[in-house]
Amino acid sequence: FVLLFVGGGSSMFFIIINTLIMRHTDQELIGRVMSIYTWTFGLMPLAMIPSGAFAQFFGAPITVILSGGILTLFLILVMLRRPGLRELG
């Protein structure tokens, strides 16, 4: 039941991200920007290789916590360096 909301939220997230990218990109650069954006999904499985190795040695819960911590630190860094990103919507 919860996965229904998780899937819906995920779909809405990707729709909003695509819309923001399209709105804030110059018309002549949309193809290039979207190709780089699509790369992130194609390269995502490569990140699973070190994550899987880390999980095998330290356990899945530690790996998920560490990955979440790294993501949180990255988002804080982006937020501090680019405060204008909050006003894109």
Protein backbone atom coordinates (compact mmCIF):
# COMPACT_ATOMS: atom_id res chain seq x y z
CA PHE A 1 0.00 0.00 0.00
CA VAL A 2 2.80 2.41 0.91
CA LEU A 3 4.62 1.62 -2.34
CA LEU A 4 1.67 3.10 -4.21
CA PHE A 5 2.43 6.49 -2.66
CA VAL A 6 6.19 6.05 -3.06
CA GLY A 7 5.75 5.34 -6.77
CA GLY A 8 3.38 8.28 -7.22
CA GLY A 9 5.74 10.60 -5.36
CA SER A 10 8.67 9.41 -7.45
CA SER A 11 6.77 10.04 -10.67
CA MET A 12 5.78 13.52 -9.53
CA PHE A 13 9.39 14.26 -8.56
CA PHE A 14 10.69 13.35 -12.03
CA ILE A 15 7.93 15.34 -13.73
CA ILE A 16 8.80 18.44 -11.69
CA ILE A 17 12.54 18.02 -12.32
CA ASN A 18 12.00 17.66 -16.09
CA THR A 19 9.73 20.71 -16.12
CA LEU A 20 12.25 22.84 -14.21
CA ILE A 21 15.08 21.78 -16.50
CA MET A 22 13.04 22.63 -19.60
CA ARG A 23 11.86 26.00 -18.24
CA HIS A 24 15.31 27.20 -17.20
CA THR A 25 17.35 26.05 -20.19
CA ASP A 26 17.90 28.09 -23.33
CA GLN A 27 16.00 26.69 -26.30
CA GLU A 28 19.14 25.88 -28.30
CA LEU A 29 20.67 23.93 -25.39
CA ILE A 30 17.72 21.74 -24.34
CA GLY A 31 18.94 18.70 -26.30
CA ARG A 32 22.40 18.83 -24.74
CA VAL A 33 21.11 19.40 -21.23
CA MET A 34 18.58 16.59 -21.48
CA SER A 35 21.23 14.20 -22.80
CA ILE A 36 23.39 14.88 -19.74
CA TYR A 37 20.34 14.49 -17.50
CA THR A 38 19.60 11.12 -19.15
CA TRP A 39 23.19 10.05 -18.59
CA THR A 40 22.61 10.14 -14.84
CA PHE A 41 20.17 7.25 -15.16
CA GLY A 42 22.45 5.31 -17.49
CA LEU A 43 25.45 5.65 -15.19
CA MET A 44 23.54 4.93 -11.99
CA PRO A 45 24.23 1.16 -12.12
CA LEU A 46 27.98 1.90 -11.99
CA ALA A 47 27.49 3.37 -8.52
CA MET A 48 25.94 0.10 -7.41
CA ILE A 49 29.22 -1.79 -7.88
CA PRO A 50 31.12 -0.05 -5.04
CA SER A 51 27.93 0.13 -2.97
CA GLY A 52 27.46 -3.61 -3.28
CA ALA A 53 31.06 -4.29 -2.33
CA PHE A 54 30.76 -1.94 0.65
CA ALA A 55 27.52 -3.62 1.73
CA GLN A 56 29.13 -7.04 1.54
CA PHE A 57 31.89 -6.01 3.95
CA PHE A 58 30.01 -3.69 6.32
CA GLY A 59 26.36 -4.64 5.87
CA ALA A 60 23.45 -3.09 4.02
CA PRO A 61 22.19 -0.84 6.87
CA ILE A 62 25.60 0.83 7.27
CA THR A 63 25.86 1.29 3.50
CA VAL A 64 22.43 2.92 3.29
CA ILE A 65 23.18 5.20 6.24
CA LEU A 66 26.55 6.21 4.78
CA SER A 67 25.05 6.82 1.32
CA GLY A 68 22.29 8.94 2.84
CA GLY A 69 24.85 10.91 4.82
CA ILE A 70 26.95 11.57 1.73
CA LEU A 71 23.86 12.69 -0.19
CA THR A 72 22.80 14.97 2.67
CA LEU A 73 26.25 16.58 2.84
CA PHE A 74 26.25 17.06 -0.94
CA LEU A 75 22.81 18.70 -0.85
CA ILE A 76 23.85 21.02 1.99
CA LEU A 77 26.95 21.99 0.03
CA VAL A 78 24.90 22.74 -3.09
CA MET A 79 22.38 24.68 -1.03
CA LEU A 80 25.13 26.84 0.50
CA ARG A 81 26.97 27.46 -2.78
CA ARG A 82 23.88 28.03 -4.96
CA PRO A 83 21.15 29.69 -2.87
CA GLY A 84 19.30 30.75 -6.04
CA LEU A 85 18.33 27.13 -6.76
CA ARG A 86 15.62 27.34 -4.10
CA GLU A 87 13.75 29.92 -6.14
CA LEU A 88 13.56 27.92 -9.39
CA GLY A 89 10.01 26.75 -8.83
